[in-house]
């Protein structure tokens, strides 16, 4: 049998059923608010994740003793260092 999605009227009140229906109906204000909140939350999470990664990388470089990024070595002329 296929798995049913949704909520059962045997285990939920009428108000809970109505709330679920409103949150899953694309024409409803509650649905639009839920989607907007999800997008905002994910955007903020990505921002903080990026900040955490940069801080972690800076901490690692400080522990190793690298205080400068080494990207400039990739784009420079190797003959300049002779």
PDB file of N, CA and C in Angstrom:
ATOM      1  N   UNK A   1       0.830  -1.181   0.000  1.00  0.00           N
ATOM      2  CA  UNK A   1       0.000   0.000   0.000  1.00  0.00           C
ATOM      3  C   UNK A   1       0.878   1.249   0.000  1.00  0.00           C
ATOM      4  N   UNK A   2       0.355   2.289  -0.580  1.00  0.00           N
ATOM      5  CA  UNK A   2       1.076   3.551  -0.611  1.00  0.00           C
ATOM      6  C   UNK A   2       0.969   4.249   0.740  1.00  0.00           C
ATOM      7  N   UNK A   3       2.027   4.940   1.075  1.00  0.00           N
ATOM      8  CA  UNK A   3       2.042   5.669   2.343  1.00  0.00           C
ATOM      9  C   UNK A   3       1.209   6.941   2.197  1.00  0.00           C
ATOM     10  N   UNK A   4       0.304   7.154   3.134  1.00  0.00           N
ATOM     11  CA  UNK A   4      -0.524   8.353   3.097  1.00  0.00           C
ATOM     12  C   UNK A   4       0.238   9.517   3.723  1.00  0.00           C
ATOM     13  N   UNK A   5       0.021  10.687   3.163  1.00  0.00           N
ATOM     14  CA  UNK A   5       0.601  11.877   3.770  1.00  0.00           C
ATOM     15  C   UNK A   5      -0.527  12.712   4.354  1.00  0.00           C
ATOM     16  N   UNK A   6      -0.213  13.472   5.351  1.00  0.00           N
ATOM     17  CA  UNK A   6      -1.226  14.308   5.976  1.00  0.00           C
ATOM     18  C   UNK A   6      -1.444  13.900   7.409  1.00  0.00           C
ATOM     19  N   UNK A   7      -2.572  14.353   7.950  1.00  0.00           N
ATOM     20  CA  UNK A   7      -2.905  14.052   9.337  1.00  0.00           C
ATOM     21  C   UNK A   7      -4.248  13.354   9.390  1.00  0.00           C
ATOM     22  N   UNK A   8      -4.448  12.583  10.422  1.00  0.00           N
ATOM     23  CA  UNK A   8      -5.668  11.798  10.565  1.00  0.00           C
ATOM     24  C   UNK A   8      -6.660  12.520  11.463  1.00  0.00           C
ATOM     25  N   UNK A   9      -7.929  12.455  11.104  1.00  0.00           N
ATOM     26  CA  UNK A   9      -8.968  13.065  11.938  1.00  0.00           C
ATOM     27  C   UNK A   9      -9.221  12.233  13.192  1.00  0.00           C
ATOM     28  N   UNK A  10      -8.692  11.016  13.203  1.00  0.00           N
ATOM     29  CA  UNK A  10      -8.855  10.171  14.388  1.00  0.00           C
ATOM     30  C   UNK A  10      -7.901  10.583  15.502  1.00  0.00           C
ATOM     31  N   UNK A  11      -6.790  11.194  15.138  1.00  0.00           N
ATOM     32  CA  UNK A  11      -5.782  11.546  16.139  1.00  0.00           C
ATOM     33  C   UNK A  11      -5.625  13.049  16.327  1.00  0.00           C
ATOM     34  N   UNK A  12      -6.299  13.874  15.520  1.00  0.00           N
ATOM     35  CA  UNK A  12      -6.149  15.319  15.598  1.00  0.00           C
ATOM     36  C   UNK A  12      -7.514  15.989  15.706  1.00  0.00           C
ATOM     37  N   UNK A  13      -7.524  17.165  16.333  1.00  0.00           N
ATOM     38  CA  UNK A  13      -8.770  17.924  16.455  1.00  0.00           C
ATOM     39  C   UNK A  13      -9.073  18.624  15.138  1.00  0.00           C
ATOM     40  N   UNK A  14     -10.279  19.162  15.027  1.00  0.00           N
ATOM     41  CA  UNK A  14     -10.666  19.867  13.801  1.00  0.00           C
ATOM     42  C   UNK A  14      -9.791  21.106  13.594  1.00  0.00           C
ATOM     43  N   UNK A  15      -9.448  21.791  14.667  1.00  0.00           N
ATOM     44  CA  UNK A  15      -8.589  22.970  14.554  1.00  0.00           C
ATOM     45  C   UNK A  15      -7.199  22.582  14.041  1.00  0.00           C
ATOM     46  N   UNK A  16      -6.662  21.465  14.513  1.00  0.00           N
ATOM     47  CA  UNK A  16      -5.359  21.001  14.036  1.00  0.00           C
ATOM     48  C   UNK A  16      -5.424  20.618  12.563  1.00  0.00           C
ATOM     49  N   UNK A  17      -6.527  20.003  12.148  1.00  0.00           N
ATOM     50  CA  UNK A  17      -6.699  19.653  10.737  1.00  0.00           C
ATOM     51  C   UNK A  17      -6.765  20.910   9.878  1.00  0.00           C
ATOM     52  N   UNK A  18      -7.486  21.922  10.348  1.00  0.00           N
ATOM     53  CA  UNK A  18      -7.596  23.173   9.601  1.00  0.00           C
ATOM     54  C   UNK A  18      -6.240  23.873   9.500  1.00  0.00           C
ATOM     55  N   UNK A  19      -5.494  23.886  10.595  1.00  0.00           N
ATOM     56  CA  UNK A  19      -4.171  24.512  10.579  1.00  0.00           C
ATOM     57  C   UNK A  19      -3.240  23.810   9.597  1.00  0.00           C
ATOM     58  N   UNK A  20      -3.284  22.487   9.582  1.00  0.00           N
ATOM     59  CA  UNK A  20      -2.449  21.720   8.652  1.00  0.00           C
ATOM     60  C   UNK A  20      -2.838  22.027   7.204  1.00  0.00           C
ATOM     61  N   UNK A  21      -4.149  22.073   6.951  1.00  0.00           N
ATOM     62  CA  UNK A  21      -4.617  22.355   5.591  1.00  0.00           C
ATOM     63  C   UNK A  21      -4.198  23.755   5.154  1.00  0.00           C
ATOM     64  N   UNK A  22      -4.274  24.718   6.057  1.00  0.00           N
ATOM     65  CA  UNK A  22      -3.895  26.092   5.719  1.00  0.00           C
ATOM     66  C   UNK A  22      -2.403  26.208   5.434  1.00  0.00           C
ATOM     67  N   UNK A  23      -1.588  25.479   6.172  1.00  0.00           N
ATOM     68  CA  UNK A  23      -0.143  25.571   5.990  1.00  0.00           C
ATOM     69  C   UNK A  23       0.337  24.841   4.744  1.00  0.00           C
ATOM     70  N   UNK A  24      -0.508  24.038   4.134  1.00  0.00           N
ATOM     71  CA  UNK A  24      -0.109  23.285   2.943  1.00  0.00           C
ATOM     72  C   UNK A  24      -0.911  23.665   1.711  1.00  0.00           C
ATOM     73  N   UNK A  25      -1.630  24.775   1.771  1.00  0.00           N
ATOM     74  CA  UNK A  25      -2.404  25.274   0.646  1.00  0.00           C
ATOM     75  C   UNK A  25      -1.678  26.488   0.072  1.00  0.00           C
ATOM     76  N   UNK A  26      -1.190  26.423  -1.167  1.00  0.00           N
ATOM     77  CA  UNK A  26      -0.401  27.520  -1.743  1.00  0.00           C
ATOM     78  C   UNK A  26      -1.152  28.847  -1.838  1.00  0.00           C
ATOM     79  N   UNK A  27      -2.487  28.827  -1.775  1.00  0.00           N
ATOM     80  CA  UNK A  27      -3.260  30.061  -1.874  1.00  0.00           C
ATOM     81  C   UNK A  27      -3.531  30.686  -0.513  1.00  0.00           C
ATOM     82  N   UNK A  28      -2.968  30.134   0.540  1.00  0.00           N
ATOM     83  CA  UNK A  28      -3.269  30.605   1.885  1.00  0.00           C
ATOM     84  C   UNK A  28      -2.125  31.440   2.441  1.00  0.00           C
ATOM     85  N   UNK A  29      -2.476  32.412   3.278  1.00  0.00           N
ATOM     86  CA  UNK A  29      -1.484  33.302   3.875  1.00  0.00           C
ATOM     87  C   UNK A  29      -0.527  32.545   4.802  1.00  0.00           C
ATOM     88  N   UNK A  30      -1.021  31.545   5.505  1.00  0.00           N
ATOM     89  CA  UNK A  30      -0.173  30.768   6.413  1.00  0.00           C
ATOM     90  C   UNK A  30       0.890  29.998   5.633  1.00  0.00           C
ATOM     91  N   UNK A  31       0.531  29.485   4.461  1.00  0.00           N
ATOM     92  CA  UNK A  31       1.477  28.757   3.613  1.00  0.00           C
ATOM     93  C   UNK A  31       2.582  29.702   3.149  1.00  0.00           C
ATOM     94  N   UNK A  32       2.186  30.887   2.670  1.00  0.00           N
ATOM     95  CA  UNK A  32       3.168  31.853   2.176  1.00  0.00           C
ATOM     96  C   UNK A  32       4.096  32.312   3.297  1.00  0.00           C
ATOM     97  N   UNK A  33       3.545  32.481   4.496  1.00  0.00           N
ATOM     98  CA  UNK A  33       4.369  32.886   5.636  1.00  0.00           C
ATOM     99  C   UNK A  33       5.358  31.787   6.000  1.00  0.00           C
ATOM    100  N   UNK A  34       4.932  30.531   5.951  1.00  0.00           N
ATOM    101  CA  UNK A  34       5.819  29.411   6.276  1.00  0.00           C
ATOM    102  C   UNK A  34       6.957  29.313   5.272  1.00  0.00           C
ATOM    103  N   UNK A  35       6.632  29.461   3.990  1.00  0.00           N
ATOM    104  CA  UNK A  35       7.660  29.395   2.943  1.00  0.00           C
ATOM    105  C   UNK A  35       8.658  30.546   3.098  1.00  0.00           C
ATOM    106  N   UNK A  36       8.153  31.761   3.349  1.00  0.00           N
ATOM    107  CA  UNK A  36       9.037  32.918   3.525  1.00  0.00           C
ATOM    108  C   UNK A  36       9.948  32.722   4.734  1.00  0.00           C
ATOM    109  N   UNK A  37       9.403  32.178   5.808  1.00  0.00           N
ATOM    110  CA  UNK A  37      10.201  31.941   7.012  1.00  0.00           C
ATOM    111  C   UNK A  37      11.275  30.887   6.756  1.00  0.00           C
ATOM    112  N   UNK A  38      10.944  29.842   6.012  1.00  0.00           N
ATOM    113  CA  UNK A  38      11.928  28.807   5.684  1.00  0.00           C
ATOM    114  C   UNK A  38      13.076  29.383   4.863  1.00  0.00           C
ATOM    115  N   UNK A  39      12.746  30.215   3.868  1.00  0.00           N
ATOM    116  CA  UNK A  39      13.783  30.809   3.026  1.00  0.00           C
ATOM    117  C   UNK A  39      14.690  31.713   3.849  1.00  0.00           C
ATOM    118  N   UNK A  40      14.085  32.514   4.720  1.00  0.00           N
ATOM    119  CA  UNK A  40      14.860  33.439   5.540  1.00  0.00           C
ATOM    120  C   UNK A  40      15.771  32.680   6.499  1.00  0.00           C
ATOM    121  N   UNK A  41      15.258  31.636   7.093  1.00  0.00           N
ATOM    122  CA  UNK A  41      16.040  30.842   8.031  1.00  0.00           C
ATOM    123  C   UNK A  41      17.210  30.167   7.329  1.00  0.00           C
ATOM    124  N   UNK A  42      16.978  29.613   6.155  1.00  0.00           N
ATOM    125  CA  UNK A  42      18.050  28.938   5.422  1.00  0.00           C
ATOM    126  C   UNK A  42      19.114  29.930   4.987  1.00  0.00           C
ATOM    127  N   UNK A  43      18.694  31.139   4.579  1.00  0.00           N
ATOM    128  CA  UNK A  43      19.642  32.151   4.145  1.00  0.00           C
ATOM    129  C   UNK A  43      20.537  32.561   5.315  1.00  0.00           C
ATOM    130  N   UNK A  44      19.950  32.761   6.482  1.00  0.00           N
ATOM    131  CA  UNK A  44      20.716  33.141   7.668  1.00  0.00           C
ATOM    132  C   UNK A  44      21.654  32.010   8.064  1.00  0.00           C
ATOM    133  N   UNK A  45      21.174  30.769   7.967  1.00  0.00           N
ATOM    134  CA  UNK A  45      22.006  29.627   8.329  1.00  0.00           C
ATOM    135  C   UNK A  45      23.231  29.532   7.425  1.00  0.00           C
ATOM    136  N   UNK A  46      23.051  29.779   6.125  1.00  0.00           N
ATOM    137  CA  UNK A  46      24.181  29.740   5.198  1.00  0.00           C
ATOM    138  C   UNK A  46      25.198  30.818   5.543  1.00  0.00           C
ATOM    139  N   UNK A  47      24.686  32.008   5.917  1.00  0.00           N
ATOM    140  CA  UNK A  47      25.576  33.115   6.258  1.00  0.00           C
ATOM    141  C   UNK A  47      26.415  32.757   7.483  1.00  0.00           C
ATOM    142  N   UNK A  48      25.786  32.250   8.526  1.00  0.00           N
ATOM    143  CA  UNK A  48      26.518  31.911   9.738  1.00  0.00           C
ATOM    144  C   UNK A  48      27.449  30.732   9.517  1.00  0.00           C
ATOM    145  N   UNK A  49      27.074  29.813   8.636  1.00  0.00           N
ATOM    146  CA  UNK A  49      27.952  28.687   8.327  1.00  0.00           C
ATOM    147  C   UNK A  49      29.228  29.191   7.658  1.00  0.00           C
ATOM    148  N   UNK A  50      29.087  30.134   6.730  1.00  0.00           N
ATOM    149  CA  UNK A  50      30.251  30.694   6.052  1.00  0.00           C
ATOM    150  C   UNK A  50      31.152  31.435   7.040  1.00  0.00           C
ATOM    151  N   UNK A  51      30.545  32.171   7.959  1.00  0.00           N
ATOM    152  CA  UNK A  51      31.332  32.901   8.958  1.00  0.00           C
ATOM    153  C   UNK A  51      32.079  31.926   9.856  1.00  0.00           C
ATOM    154  N   UNK A  52      31.413  30.854  10.268  1.00  0.00           N
ATOM    155  CA  UNK A  52      32.061  29.852  11.117  1.00  0.00           C
ATOM    156  C   UNK A  52      33.236  29.202  10.403  1.00  0.00           C
ATOM    157  N   UNK A  53      33.080  28.911   9.107  1.00  0.00           N
ATOM    158  CA  UNK A  53      34.163  28.283   8.352  1.00  0.00           C
ATOM    159  C   UNK A  53      35.375  29.205   8.265  1.00  0.00           C
ATOM    160  N   UNK A  54      35.133  30.494   8.045  1.00  0.00           N
ATOM    161  CA  UNK A  54      36.236  31.452   7.954  1.00  0.00           C
ATOM    162  C   UNK A  54      36.953  31.566   9.292  1.00  0.00           C
ATOM    163  N   UNK A  55      36.186  31.620  10.381  1.00  0.00           N
ATOM    164  CA  UNK A  55      36.807  31.704  11.706  1.00  0.00           C
ATOM    165  C   UNK A  55      37.610  30.450  12.023  1.00  0.00           C
ATOM    166  N   UNK A  56      37.085  29.296  11.645  1.00  0.00           N
ATOM    167  CA  UNK A  56      37.781  28.036  11.888  1.00  0.00           C
ATOM    168  C   UNK A  56      39.078  27.987  11.086  1.00  0.00           C
ATOM    169  N   UNK A  57      39.026  28.453   9.841  1.00  0.00           N
ATOM    170  CA  UNK A  57      40.215  28.468   9.001  1.00  0.00           C
ATOM    171  C   UNK A  57      41.258  29.433   9.575  1.00  0.00           C
ATOM    172  N   UNK A  58      40.815  30.587  10.057  1.00  0.00           N
ATOM    173  CA  UNK A  58      41.740  31.556  10.650  1.00  0.00           C
ATOM    174  C   UNK A  58      42.391  30.984  11.905  1.00  0.00           C
ATOM    175  N   UNK A  59      41.611  30.267  12.697  1.00  0.00           N
ATOM    176  CA  UNK A  59      42.149  29.655  13.916  1.00  0.00           C
ATOM    177  C   UNK A  59      43.193  28.600  13.564  1.00  0.00           C
ATOM    178  N   UNK A  60      42.911  27.799  12.540  1.00  0.00           N
ATOM    179  CA  UNK A  60      43.854  26.774  12.105  1.00  0.00           C
ATOM    180  C   UNK A  60      45.145  27.403  11.606  1.00  0.00           C
ATOM    181  N   UNK A  61      45.032  28.454  10.795  1.00  0.00           N
ATOM    182  CA  UNK A  61      46.223  29.130  10.295  1.00  0.00           C
ATOM    183  C   UNK A  61      47.046  29.708  11.442  1.00  0.00           C
ATOM    184  N   UNK A  62      46.380  30.222  12.461  1.00  0.00           N
ATOM    185  CA  UNK A  62      47.102  30.780  13.605  1.00  0.00           C
ATOM    186  C   UNK A  62      47.839  29.681  14.364  1.00  0.00           C
ATOM    187  N   UNK A  63      47.223  28.512  14.496  1.00  0.00           N
ATOM    188  CA  UNK A  63      47.870  27.394  15.190  1.00  0.00           C
ATOM    189  C   UNK A  63      49.073  26.883  14.412  1.00  0.00           C
ATOM    190  N   UNK A  64      48.948  26.818  13.093  1.00  0.00           N
ATOM    191  CA  UNK A  64      50.032  26.310  12.247  1.00  0.00           C
ATOM    192  C   UNK A  64      51.160  27.331  12.141  1.00  0.00           C
ATOM    193  N   UNK A  65      50.806  28.601  12.188  1.00  0.00           N
ATOM    194  CA  UNK A  65      51.804  29.645  12.038  1.00  0.00           C
ATOM    195  C   UNK A  65      51.697  30.354  10.709  1.00  0.00           C
ATOM    196  N   UNK A  66      50.687  30.042   9.943  1.00  0.00           N
ATOM    197  CA  UNK A  66      50.448  30.742   8.683  1.00  0.00           C
ATOM    198  C   UNK A  66      49.585  31.959   8.979  1.00  0.00           C
ATOM    199  N   UNK A  67      50.137  33.120   8.787  1.00  0.00           N
ATOM    200  CA  UNK A  67      49.366  34.327   9.058  1.00  0.00           C
ATOM    201  C   UNK A  67      48.881  34.987   7.781  1.00  0.00           C
ATOM    202  N   UNK A  68      49.290  34.499   6.633  1.00  0.00           N
ATOM    203  CA  UNK A  68      48.875  35.089   5.365  1.00  0.00           C
ATOM    204  C   UNK A  68      48.365  33.985   4.451  1.00  0.00           C
ATOM    205  N   UNK A  69      47.412  34.337   3.624  1.00  0.00           N
ATOM    206  CA  UNK A  69      46.933  33.379   2.635  1.00  0.00           C
ATOM    207  C   UNK A  69      48.011  33.152   1.584  1.00  0.00           C
ATOM    208  N   UNK A  70      48.036  31.976   1.018  1.00  0.00           N
ATOM    209  CA  UNK A  70      49.066  31.629   0.043  1.00  0.00           C
ATOM    210  C   UNK A  70      48.560  31.686  -1.389  1.00  0.00           C
ATOM    211  N   UNK A  71      47.418  32.308  -1.617  1.00  0.00           N
ATOM    212  CA  UNK A  71      46.870  32.384  -2.967  1.00  0.00           C
ATOM    213  C   UNK A  71      47.769  33.182  -3.908  1.00  0.00           C
ATOM    214  N   UNK A  72      48.481  34.171  -3.396  1.00  0.00           N
ATOM    215  CA  UNK A  72      49.303  35.008  -4.252  1.00  0.00           C
ATOM    216  C   UNK A  72      50.414  34.206  -4.913  1.00  0.00           C
ATOM    217  N   UNK A  73      50.840  33.098  -4.292  1.00  0.00           N
ATOM    218  CA  UNK A  73      51.909  32.290  -4.872  1.00  0.00           C
ATOM    219  C   UNK A  73      51.442  31.568  -6.130  1.00  0.00           C
ATOM    220  N   UNK A  74      50.156  31.301  -6.226  1.00  0.00           N
ATOM    221  CA  UNK A  74      49.633  30.581  -7.379  1.00  0.00           C
ATOM    222  C   UNK A  74      49.628  31.444  -8.632  1.00  0.00           C
ATOM    223  N   UNK A  75      49.536  32.758  -8.451  1.00  0.00           N
ATOM    224  CA  UNK A  75      49.392  33.643  -9.599  1.00  0.00           C
ATOM    225  C   UNK A  75      50.655  34.439  -9.904  1.00  0.00           C
ATOM    226  N   UNK A  76      51.701  34.246  -9.157  1.00  0.00           N
ATOM    227  CA  UNK A  76      52.916  35.021  -9.376  1.00  0.00           C
ATOM    228  C   UNK A  76      53.872  34.269 -10.303  1.00  0.00           C
ATOM    229  N   UNK A  77      54.894  34.945 -10.723  1.00  0.00           N
ATOM    230  CA  UNK A  77      55.905  34.378 -11.604  1.00  0.00           C
ATOM    231  C   UNK A  77      56.929  33.636 -10.744  1.00  0.00           C
ATOM    232  N   UNK A  78      57.155  32.338 -10.978  1.00  0.00           N
ATOM    233  CA  UNK A  78      58.101  31.593 -10.142  1.00  0.00           C
ATOM    234  C   UNK A  78      59.542  32.077 -10.276  1.00  0.00           C
ATOM    235  N   UNK A  79      59.867  32.745 -11.358  1.00  0.00           N
ATOM    236  CA  UNK A  79      61.234  33.234 -11.550  1.00  0.00           C
ATOM    237  C   UNK A  79      61.542  34.419 -10.645  1.00  0.00           C
ATOM    238  N   UNK A  80      60.522  35.061 -10.097  1.00  0.00           N
ATOM    239  CA  UNK A  80      60.744  36.220  -9.233  1.00  0.00           C
ATOM    240  C   UNK A  80      61.362  35.825  -7.904  1.00  0.00           C
ATOM    241  N   UNK A  81      61.291  34.543  -7.533  1.00  0.00           N
ATOM    242  CA  UNK A  81      61.765  34.120  -6.229  1.00  0.00           C
ATOM    243  C   UNK A  81      63.197  33.592  -6.254  1.00  0.00           C
ATOM    244  N   UNK A  82      63.854  33.634  -7.393  1.00  0.00           N
ATOM    245  CA  UNK A  82      65.235  33.128  -7.494  1.00  0.00           C
ATOM    246  C   UNK A  82      66.240  34.082  -6.940  1.00  0.00           C
TER     247      UNK A  82
END
